[in-house]
């Protein structure tokens, strides 16, 4: 099964977060909710269309590593893997 985002949306596989710190402290699932989250773009929608009908290209591409808002996105499960679909506006930066 493949997912192709529509409009100005992207499919992102979030990086796994450590549940235990280097010193061995187990973190609860609700810690660091305000932190930014890293992920890899798996699929990109076609982008927006301007008021005049001209396509507006997406600023990100498949394979880009990005920072996104940790509280955004819609959960998706595909082939047993967890992903999120975000609006492009929720992407804060590309990690180079």
PDB file of N, CA and C in Angstrom:
ATOM      1  N   UNK A   1       0.852  -1.180   0.000  1.00  0.00           N
ATOM      2  CA  UNK A   1       0.000   0.000   0.000  1.00  0.00           C
ATOM      3  C   UNK A   1       0.893   1.238   0.000  1.00  0.00           C
ATOM      4  N   UNK A   2       0.553   2.207  -0.820  1.00  0.00           N
ATOM      5  CA  UNK A   2       1.254   3.488  -0.868  1.00  0.00           C
ATOM      6  C   UNK A   2       0.278   4.601  -0.548  1.00  0.00           C
ATOM      7  N   UNK A   3       0.804   5.671   0.025  1.00  0.00           N
ATOM      8  CA  UNK A   3      -0.015   6.846   0.325  1.00  0.00           C
ATOM      9  C   UNK A   3       0.562   8.024  -0.432  1.00  0.00           C
ATOM     10  N   UNK A   4      -0.287   8.714  -1.193  1.00  0.00           N
ATOM     11  CA  UNK A   4       0.123   9.931  -1.890  1.00  0.00           C
ATOM     12  C   UNK A   4      -0.653  11.084  -1.271  1.00  0.00           C
ATOM     13  N   UNK A   5       0.051  11.968  -0.546  1.00  0.00           N
ATOM     14  CA  UNK A   5      -0.635  13.108   0.065  1.00  0.00           C
ATOM     15  C   UNK A   5      -1.257  14.014  -0.994  1.00  0.00           C
ATOM     16  N   UNK A   6      -2.348  14.648  -0.638  1.00  0.00           N
ATOM     17  CA  UNK A   6      -3.028  15.584  -1.528  1.00  0.00           C
ATOM     18  C   UNK A   6      -2.676  17.015  -1.145  1.00  0.00           C
ATOM     19  N   UNK A   7      -2.803  17.908  -2.115  1.00  0.00           N
ATOM     20  CA  UNK A   7      -2.605  19.331  -1.844  1.00  0.00           C
ATOM     21  C   UNK A   7      -1.236  19.638  -1.277  1.00  0.00           C
ATOM     22  N   UNK A   8      -1.231  20.439  -0.232  1.00  0.00           N
ATOM     23  CA  UNK A   8      -0.008  20.952   0.372  1.00  0.00           C
ATOM     24  C   UNK A   8       0.396  20.104   1.584  1.00  0.00           C
ATOM     25  N   UNK A   9       0.290  18.777   1.450  1.00  0.00           N
ATOM     26  CA  UNK A   9       0.581  17.889   2.577  1.00  0.00           C
ATOM     27  C   UNK A   9       1.771  16.986   2.269  1.00  0.00           C
ATOM     28  N   UNK A  10       2.408  16.501   3.341  1.00  0.00           N
ATOM     29  CA  UNK A  10       3.543  15.595   3.206  1.00  0.00           C
ATOM     30  C   UNK A  10       3.372  14.423   4.170  1.00  0.00           C
ATOM     31  N   UNK A  11       3.880  13.263   3.777  1.00  0.00           N
ATOM     32  CA  UNK A  11       3.902  12.076   4.624  1.00  0.00           C
ATOM     33  C   UNK A  11       5.293  11.979   5.225  1.00  0.00           C
ATOM     34  N   UNK A  12       5.362  11.934   6.563  1.00  0.00           N
ATOM     35  CA  UNK A  12       6.644  11.953   7.264  1.00  0.00           C
ATOM     36  C   UNK A  12       6.736  10.756   8.196  1.00  0.00           C
ATOM     37  N   UNK A  13       7.908  10.105   8.182  1.00  0.00           N
ATOM     38  CA  UNK A  13       8.197   9.078   9.179  1.00  0.00           C
ATOM     39  C   UNK A  13       9.040   9.747  10.251  1.00  0.00           C
ATOM     40  N   UNK A  14       8.478   9.841  11.449  1.00  0.00           N
ATOM     41  CA  UNK A  14       9.169  10.516  12.537  1.00  0.00           C
ATOM     42  C   UNK A  14      10.311   9.663  13.053  1.00  0.00           C
ATOM     43  N   UNK A  15      11.392  10.340  13.466  1.00  0.00           N
ATOM     44  CA  UNK A  15      12.527   9.644  14.063  1.00  0.00           C
ATOM     45  C   UNK A  15      12.096   9.075  15.406  1.00  0.00           C
ATOM     46  N   UNK A  16      12.605   7.921  15.728  1.00  0.00           N
ATOM     47  CA  UNK A  16      12.291   7.303  17.018  1.00  0.00           C
ATOM     48  C   UNK A  16      12.961   8.112  18.123  1.00  0.00           C
ATOM     49  N   UNK A  17      12.189   8.425  19.158  1.00  0.00           N
ATOM     50  CA  UNK A  17      12.735   9.159  20.292  1.00  0.00           C
ATOM     51  C   UNK A  17      13.174   8.172  21.356  1.00  0.00           C
ATOM     52  N   UNK A  18      14.305   8.484  21.994  1.00  0.00           N
ATOM     53  CA  UNK A  18      14.784   7.642  23.082  1.00  0.00           C
ATOM     54  C   UNK A  18      13.815   7.711  24.249  1.00  0.00           C
ATOM     55  N   UNK A  19      13.483   6.560  24.799  1.00  0.00           N
ATOM     56  CA  UNK A  19      12.613   6.510  25.969  1.00  0.00           C
ATOM     57  C   UNK A  19      13.420   6.448  27.257  1.00  0.00           C
ATOM     58  N   UNK A  20      14.736   6.256  27.113  1.00  0.00           N
ATOM     59  CA  UNK A  20      15.623   6.210  28.269  1.00  0.00           C
ATOM     60  C   UNK A  20      16.779   7.161  27.989  1.00  0.00           C
ATOM     61  N   UNK A  21      17.115   8.006  28.969  1.00  0.00           N
ATOM     62  CA  UNK A  21      18.228   8.935  28.803  1.00  0.00           C
ATOM     63  C   UNK A  21      19.546   8.179  28.874  1.00  0.00           C
ATOM     64  N   UNK A  22      20.640   8.857  28.521  1.00  0.00           N
ATOM     65  CA  UNK A  22      21.962   8.236  28.572  1.00  0.00           C
ATOM     66  C   UNK A  22      22.311   7.783  29.983  1.00  0.00           C
ATOM     67  N   UNK A  23      21.771   8.469  30.981  1.00  0.00           N
ATOM     68  CA  UNK A  23      22.055   8.098  32.370  1.00  0.00           C
ATOM     69  C   UNK A  23      21.102   7.027  32.895  1.00  0.00           C
ATOM     70  N   UNK A  24      20.177   6.534  32.053  1.00  0.00           N
ATOM     71  CA  UNK A  24      19.311   5.437  32.444  1.00  0.00           C
ATOM     72  C   UNK A  24      17.952   5.831  32.991  1.00  0.00           C
ATOM     73  N   UNK A  25      17.595   7.110  32.929  1.00  0.00           N
ATOM     74  CA  UNK A  25      16.295   7.557  33.425  1.00  0.00           C
ATOM     75  C   UNK A  25      15.237   7.272  32.364  1.00  0.00           C
ATOM     76  N   UNK A  26      14.172   6.585  32.757  1.00  0.00           N
ATOM     77  CA  UNK A  26      13.075   6.269  31.838  1.00  0.00           C
ATOM     78  C   UNK A  26      12.156   7.481  31.752  1.00  0.00           C
ATOM     79  N   UNK A  27      11.902   7.941  30.525  1.00  0.00           N
ATOM     80  CA  UNK A  27      11.065   9.118  30.309  1.00  0.00           C
ATOM     81  C   UNK A  27       9.616   8.703  30.082  1.00  0.00           C
ATOM     82  N   UNK A  28       8.665   9.383  30.722  1.00  0.00           N
ATOM     83  CA  UNK A  28       7.254   9.091  30.454  1.00  0.00           C
ATOM     84  C   UNK A  28       6.878   9.565  29.053  1.00  0.00           C
ATOM     85  N   UNK A  29       5.794   9.034  28.517  1.00  0.00           N
ATOM     86  CA  UNK A  29       5.397   9.346  27.142  1.00  0.00           C
ATOM     87  C   UNK A  29       4.983  10.798  26.954  1.00  0.00           C
ATOM     88  N   UNK A  30       4.664  11.516  28.025  1.00  0.00           N
ATOM     89  CA  UNK A  30       4.199  12.899  27.883  1.00  0.00           C
ATOM     90  C   UNK A  30       5.304  13.931  28.058  1.00  0.00           C
ATOM     91  N   UNK A  31       6.545  13.517  28.206  1.00  0.00           N
ATOM     92  CA  UNK A  31       7.630  14.467  28.411  1.00  0.00           C
ATOM     93  C   UNK A  31       8.021  15.116  27.080  1.00  0.00           C
ATOM     94  N   UNK A  32       8.494  16.349  27.127  1.00  0.00           N
ATOM     95  CA  UNK A  32       9.007  17.081  25.962  1.00  0.00           C
ATOM     96  C   UNK A  32       7.962  17.313  24.878  1.00  0.00           C
ATOM     97  N   UNK A  33       6.739  17.589  25.228  1.00  0.00           N
ATOM     98  CA  UNK A  33       5.694  17.833  24.235  1.00  0.00           C
ATOM     99  C   UNK A  33       5.954  19.105  23.436  1.00  0.00           C
ATOM    100  N   UNK A  34       6.703  20.039  23.986  1.00  0.00           N
ATOM    101  CA  UNK A  34       6.971  21.286  23.278  1.00  0.00           C
ATOM    102  C   UNK A  34       8.221  21.209  22.407  1.00  0.00           C
ATOM    103  N   UNK A  35       8.953  20.106  22.433  1.00  0.00           N
ATOM    104  CA  UNK A  35      10.141  19.973  21.606  1.00  0.00           C
ATOM    105  C   UNK A  35       9.760  19.820  20.139  1.00  0.00           C
ATOM    106  N   UNK A  36      10.653  20.222  19.284  1.00  0.00           N
ATOM    107  CA  UNK A  36      10.452  20.018  17.856  1.00  0.00           C
ATOM    108  C   UNK A  36      10.829  18.577  17.528  1.00  0.00           C
ATOM    109  N   UNK A  37      10.235  18.015  16.523  1.00  0.00           N
ATOM    110  CA  UNK A  37      10.418  16.616  16.181  1.00  0.00           C
ATOM    111  C   UNK A  37      11.085  16.491  14.818  1.00  0.00           C
ATOM    112  N   UNK A  38      12.010  15.540  14.712  1.00  0.00           N
ATOM    113  CA  UNK A  38      12.683  15.269  13.448  1.00  0.00           C
ATOM    114  C   UNK A  38      11.983  14.136  12.715  1.00  0.00           C
ATOM    115  N   UNK A  39      12.044  14.195  11.392  1.00  0.00           N
ATOM    116  CA  UNK A  39      11.474  13.127  10.587  1.00  0.00           C
ATOM    117  C   UNK A  39      12.002  13.170   9.168  1.00  0.00           C
ATOM    118  N   UNK A  40      11.683  12.120   8.417  1.00  0.00           N
ATOM    119  CA  UNK A  40      12.100  12.011   7.018  1.00  0.00           C
ATOM    120  C   UNK A  40      10.864  12.023   6.140  1.00  0.00           C
ATOM    121  N   UNK A  41      10.908  12.816   5.083  1.00  0.00           N
ATOM    122  CA  UNK A  41       9.774  12.916   4.165  1.00  0.00           C
ATOM    123  C   UNK A  41       9.733  11.680   3.268  1.00  0.00           C
ATOM    124  N   UNK A  42       8.582  11.002   3.291  1.00  0.00           N
ATOM    125  CA  UNK A  42       8.374   9.776   2.526  1.00  0.00           C
ATOM    126  C   UNK A  42       7.619  10.057   1.226  1.00  0.00           C
ATOM    127  N   UNK A  43       6.667  10.988   1.261  1.00  0.00           N
ATOM    128  CA  UNK A  43       5.875  11.339   0.073  1.00  0.00           C
ATOM    129  C   UNK A  43       5.442  12.795   0.178  1.00  0.00           C
ATOM    130  N   UNK A  44       5.285  13.440  -0.975  1.00  0.00           N
ATOM    131  CA  UNK A  44       4.937  14.861  -1.046  1.00  0.00           C
ATOM    132  C   UNK A  44       3.746  15.041  -1.976  1.00  0.00           C
ATOM    133  N   UNK A  45       2.784  15.849  -1.550  1.00  0.00           N
ATOM    134  CA  UNK A  45       1.647  16.182  -2.400  1.00  0.00           C
ATOM    135  C   UNK A  45       2.064  17.128  -3.518  1.00  0.00           C
ATOM    136  N   UNK A  46       1.153  17.434  -4.429  1.00  0.00           N
ATOM    137  CA  UNK A  46       1.478  18.297  -5.566  1.00  0.00           C
ATOM    138  C   UNK A  46       1.677  19.761  -5.201  1.00  0.00           C
ATOM    139  N   UNK A  47       1.256  20.183  -4.028  1.00  0.00           N
ATOM    140  CA  UNK A  47       1.404  21.580  -3.614  1.00  0.00           C
ATOM    141  C   UNK A  47       0.124  22.362  -3.806  1.00  0.00           C
ATOM    142  N   UNK A  48       0.210  23.633  -3.459  1.00  0.00           N
ATOM    143  CA  UNK A  48      -0.944  24.527  -3.572  1.00  0.00           C
ATOM    144  C   UNK A  48      -1.079  25.057  -4.992  1.00  0.00           C
ATOM    145  N   UNK A  49      -2.240  25.629  -5.249  1.00  0.00           N
ATOM    146  CA  UNK A  49      -2.487  26.334  -6.504  1.00  0.00           C
ATOM    147  C   UNK A  49      -2.830  27.774  -6.137  1.00  0.00           C
ATOM    148  N   UNK A  50      -2.182  28.726  -6.812  1.00  0.00           N
ATOM    149  CA  UNK A  50      -2.424  30.141  -6.516  1.00  0.00           C
ATOM    150  C   UNK A  50      -3.827  30.552  -6.956  1.00  0.00           C
ATOM    151  N   UNK A  51      -4.231  31.756  -6.586  1.00  0.00           N
ATOM    152  CA  UNK A  51      -5.544  32.281  -6.968  1.00  0.00           C
ATOM    153  C   UNK A  51      -5.716  32.374  -8.483  1.00  0.00           C
ATOM    154  N   UNK A  52      -4.592  32.493  -9.198  1.00  0.00           N
ATOM    155  CA  UNK A  52      -4.656  32.580 -10.656  1.00  0.00           C
ATOM    156  C   UNK A  52      -4.580  31.209 -11.328  1.00  0.00           C
ATOM    157  N   UNK A  53      -4.465  30.142 -10.512  1.00  0.00           N
ATOM    158  CA  UNK A  53      -4.417  28.795 -11.060  1.00  0.00           C
ATOM    159  C   UNK A  53      -3.022  28.269 -11.313  1.00  0.00           C
ATOM    160  N   UNK A  54      -2.004  29.045 -10.969  1.00  0.00           N
ATOM    161  CA  UNK A  54      -0.622  28.623 -11.165  1.00  0.00           C
ATOM    162  C   UNK A  54      -0.187  27.707 -10.018  1.00  0.00           C
ATOM    163  N   UNK A  55       0.401  26.547 -10.327  1.00  0.00           N
ATOM    164  CA  UNK A  55       0.883  25.664  -9.258  1.00  0.00           C
ATOM    165  C   UNK A  55       2.030  26.314  -8.480  1.00  0.00           C
ATOM    166  N   UNK A  56       2.018  26.133  -7.170  1.00  0.00           N
ATOM    167  CA  UNK A  56       3.096  26.621  -6.308  1.00  0.00           C
ATOM    168  C   UNK A  56       3.874  25.391  -5.850  1.00  0.00           C
ATOM    169  N   UNK A  57       5.137  25.318  -6.238  1.00  0.00           N
ATOM    170  CA  UNK A  57       5.960  24.142  -5.948  1.00  0.00           C
ATOM    171  C   UNK A  57       6.195  23.981  -4.446  1.00  0.00           C
ATOM    172  N   UNK A  58       6.308  22.739  -4.021  1.00  0.00           N
ATOM    173  CA  UNK A  58       6.622  22.434  -2.628  1.00  0.00           C
ATOM    174  C   UNK A  58       8.093  22.771  -2.368  1.00  0.00           C
ATOM    175  N   UNK A  59       8.392  23.187  -1.141  1.00  0.00           N
ATOM    176  CA  UNK A  59       9.767  23.538  -0.777  1.00  0.00           C
ATOM    177  C   UNK A  59      10.566  22.338  -0.293  1.00  0.00           C
ATOM    178  N   UNK A  60       9.914  21.196  -0.115  1.00  0.00           N
ATOM    179  CA  UNK A  60      10.584  19.994   0.367  1.00  0.00           C
ATOM    180  C   UNK A  60      10.425  18.877  -0.653  1.00  0.00           C
ATOM    181  N   UNK A  61      11.309  17.873  -0.539  1.00  0.00           N
ATOM    182  CA  UNK A  61      11.289  16.741  -1.465  1.00  0.00           C
ATOM    183  C   UNK A  61      11.347  15.434  -0.686  1.00  0.00           C
ATOM    184  N   UNK A  62      10.982  14.348  -1.349  1.00  0.00           N
ATOM    185  CA  UNK A  62      11.098  13.022  -0.749  1.00  0.00           C
ATOM    186  C   UNK A  62      12.554  12.803  -0.345  1.00  0.00           C
ATOM    187  N   UNK A  63      12.753  12.302   0.869  1.00  0.00           N
ATOM    188  CA  UNK A  63      14.096  12.037   1.378  1.00  0.00           C
ATOM    189  C   UNK A  63      14.658  13.133   2.259  1.00  0.00           C
ATOM    190  N   UNK A  64      14.053  14.334   2.232  1.00  0.00           N
ATOM    191  CA  UNK A  64      14.526  15.423   3.096  1.00  0.00           C
ATOM    192  C   UNK A  64      14.305  15.065   4.558  1.00  0.00           C
ATOM    193  N   UNK A  65      15.279  15.407   5.399  1.00  0.00           N
ATOM    194  CA  UNK A  65      15.114  15.310   6.848  1.00  0.00           C
ATOM    195  C   UNK A  65      14.665  16.673   7.332  1.00  0.00           C
ATOM    196  N   UNK A  66      13.605  16.697   8.133  1.00  0.00           N
ATOM    197  CA  UNK A  66      12.983  17.964   8.509  1.00  0.00           C
ATOM    198  C   UNK A  66      12.688  18.026  10.005  1.00  0.00           C
ATOM    199  N   UNK A  67      12.463  19.252  10.487  1.00  0.00           N
ATOM    200  CA  UNK A  67      11.940  19.500  11.825  1.00  0.00           C
ATOM    201  C   UNK A  67      10.484  19.896  11.672  1.00  0.00           C
ATOM    202  N   UNK A  68       9.609  19.278  12.462  1.00  0.00           N
ATOM    203  CA  UNK A  68       8.183  19.599  12.428  1.00  0.00           C
ATOM    204  C   UNK A  68       7.688  19.871  13.840  1.00  0.00           C
ATOM    205  N   UNK A  69       6.539  20.511  13.923  1.00  0.00           N
ATOM    206  CA  UNK A  69       5.909  20.748  15.220  1.00  0.00           C
ATOM    207  C   UNK A  69       5.503  19.406  15.821  1.00  0.00           C
ATOM    208  N   UNK A  70       5.836  19.199  17.082  1.00  0.00           N
ATOM    209  CA  UNK A  70       5.571  17.896  17.701  1.00  0.00           C
ATOM    210  C   UNK A  70       4.092  17.634  17.929  1.00  0.00           C
ATOM    211  N   UNK A  71       3.266  18.667  17.983  1.00  0.00           N
ATOM    212  CA  UNK A  71       1.844  18.468  18.279  1.00  0.00           C
ATOM    213  C   UNK A  71       0.977  18.422  17.021  1.00  0.00           C
ATOM    214  N   UNK A  72       1.560  18.486  15.853  1.00  0.00           N
ATOM    215  CA  UNK A  72       0.769  18.513  14.625  1.00  0.00           C
ATOM    216  C   UNK A  72       0.703  17.161  13.940  1.00  0.00           C
ATOM    217  N   UNK A  73       0.077  17.146  12.797  1.00  0.00           N
ATOM    218  CA  UNK A  73       0.020  15.961  11.959  1.00  0.00           C
ATOM    219  C   UNK A  73      -1.079  14.988  12.328  1.00  0.00           C
ATOM    220  N   UNK A  74      -1.430  14.158  11.357  1.00  0.00           N
ATOM    221  CA  UNK A  74      -2.431  13.104  11.543  1.00  0.00           C
ATOM    222  C   UNK A  74      -1.736  11.751  11.461  1.00  0.00           C
ATOM    223  N   UNK A  75      -2.010  10.888  12.426  1.00  0.00           N
ATOM    224  CA  UNK A  75      -1.379   9.569  12.490  1.00  0.00           C
ATOM    225  C   UNK A  75      -1.872   8.667  11.367  1.00  0.00           C
ATOM    226  N   UNK A  76      -0.922   7.914  10.774  1.00  0.00           N
ATOM    227  CA  UNK A  76      -1.222   6.962   9.709  1.00  0.00           C
ATOM    228  C   UNK A  76      -0.363   5.721   9.947  1.00  0.00           C
ATOM    229  N   UNK A  77      -0.955   4.542   9.771  1.00  0.00           N
ATOM    230  CA  UNK A  77      -0.188   3.295   9.823  1.00  0.00           C
ATOM    231  C   UNK A  77      -0.214   2.678   8.435  1.00  0.00           C
ATOM    232  N   UNK A  78       0.975   2.354   7.925  1.00  0.00           N
ATOM    233  CA  UNK A  78       1.091   1.774   6.591  1.00  0.00           C
ATOM    234  C   UNK A  78       2.132   0.659   6.644  1.00  0.00           C
ATOM    235  N   UNK A  79       1.749  -0.538   6.237  1.00  0.00           N
ATOM    236  CA  UNK A  79       2.651  -1.693   6.236  1.00  0.00           C
ATOM    237  C   UNK A  79       3.296  -1.914   7.604  1.00  0.00           C
ATOM    238  N   UNK A  80       2.538  -1.684   8.665  1.00  0.00           N
ATOM    239  CA  UNK A  80       3.031  -1.890  10.021  1.00  0.00           C
ATOM    240  C   UNK A  80       3.920  -0.785  10.559  1.00  0.00           C
ATOM    241  N   UNK A  81       4.147   0.260   9.794  1.00  0.00           N
ATOM    242  CA  UNK A  81       4.985   1.390  10.213  1.00  0.00           C
ATOM    243  C   UNK A  81       4.102   2.587  10.543  1.00  0.00           C
ATOM    244  N   UNK A  82       4.553   3.407  11.490  1.00  0.00           N
ATOM    245  CA  UNK A  82       3.822   4.604  11.900  1.00  0.00           C
ATOM    246  C   UNK A  82       4.346   5.825  11.141  1.00  0.00           C
ATOM    247  N   UNK A  83       3.433   6.635  10.621  1.00  0.00           N
ATOM    248  CA  UNK A  83       3.760   7.858   9.899  1.00  0.00           C
ATOM    249  C   UNK A  83       2.815   8.959  10.365  1.00  0.00           C
ATOM    250  N   UNK A  84       3.107  10.183   9.909  1.00  0.00           N
ATOM    251  CA  UNK A  84       2.184  11.295  10.131  1.00  0.00           C
ATOM    252  C   UNK A  84       2.060  12.078   8.833  1.00  0.00           C
ATOM    253  N   UNK A  85       0.859  12.595   8.587  1.00  0.00           N
ATOM    254  CA  UNK A  85       0.646  13.498   7.457  1.00  0.00           C
ATOM    255  C   UNK A  85       0.556  14.908   8.026  1.00  0.00           C
ATOM    256  N   UNK A  86       1.436  15.784   7.532  1.00  0.00           N
ATOM    257  CA  UNK A  86       1.500  17.170   7.981  1.00  0.00           C
ATOM    258  C   UNK A  86       1.147  18.111   6.839  1.00  0.00           C
ATOM    259  N   UNK A  87       0.589  19.265   7.169  1.00  0.00           N
ATOM    260  CA  UNK A  87       0.521  20.364   6.217  1.00  0.00           C
ATOM    261  C   UNK A  87       1.940  20.892   6.055  1.00  0.00           C
ATOM    262  N   UNK A  88       2.293  21.333   4.866  1.00  0.00           N
ATOM    263  CA  UNK A  88       3.643  21.833   4.622  1.00  0.00           C
ATOM    264  C   UNK A  88       3.996  22.990   5.558  1.00  0.00           C
ATOM    265  N   UNK A  89       2.994  23.766   5.974  1.00  0.00           N
ATOM    266  CA  UNK A  89       3.244  24.897   6.872  1.00  0.00           C
ATOM    267  C   UNK A  89       3.727  24.454   8.252  1.00  0.00           C
ATOM    268  N   UNK A  90       3.511  23.181   8.610  1.00  0.00           N
ATOM    269  CA  UNK A  90       3.961  22.665   9.905  1.00  0.00           C
ATOM    270  C   UNK A  90       5.422  22.233   9.889  1.00  0.00           C
ATOM    271  N   UNK A  91       6.050  22.270   8.714  1.00  0.00           N
ATOM    272  CA  UNK A  91       7.476  21.956   8.618  1.00  0.00           C
ATOM    273  C   UNK A  91       8.239  23.228   8.951  1.00  0.00           C
ATOM    274  N   UNK A  92       9.108  23.123   9.953  1.00  0.00           N
ATOM    275  CA  UNK A  92       9.832  24.296  10.435  1.00  0.00           C
ATOM    276  C   UNK A  92      11.161  24.505   9.723  1.00  0.00           C
ATOM    277  N   UNK A  93      11.829  23.408   9.334  1.00  0.00           N
ATOM    278  CA  UNK A  93      13.147  23.537   8.711  1.00  0.00           C
ATOM    279  C   UNK A  93      13.542  22.230   8.041  1.00  0.00           C
ATOM    280  N   UNK A  94      14.449  22.339   7.071  1.00  0.00           N
ATOM    281  CA  UNK A  94      15.086  21.177   6.462  1.00  0.00           C
ATOM    282  C   UNK A  94      16.434  21.010   7.148  1.00  0.00           C
ATOM    283  N   UNK A  95      16.744  19.786   7.572  1.00  0.00           N
ATOM    284  CA  UNK A  95      18.027  19.506   8.220  1.00  0.00           C
ATOM    285  C   UNK A  95      19.009  19.082   7.138  1.00  0.00           C
ATOM    286  N   UNK A  96      20.112  19.815   7.027  1.00  0.00           N
ATOM    287  CA  UNK A  96      21.118  19.488   5.994  1.00  0.00           C
ATOM    288  C   UNK A  96      22.339  18.854   6.605  1.00  0.00           C
TER     289      UNK A  96
END
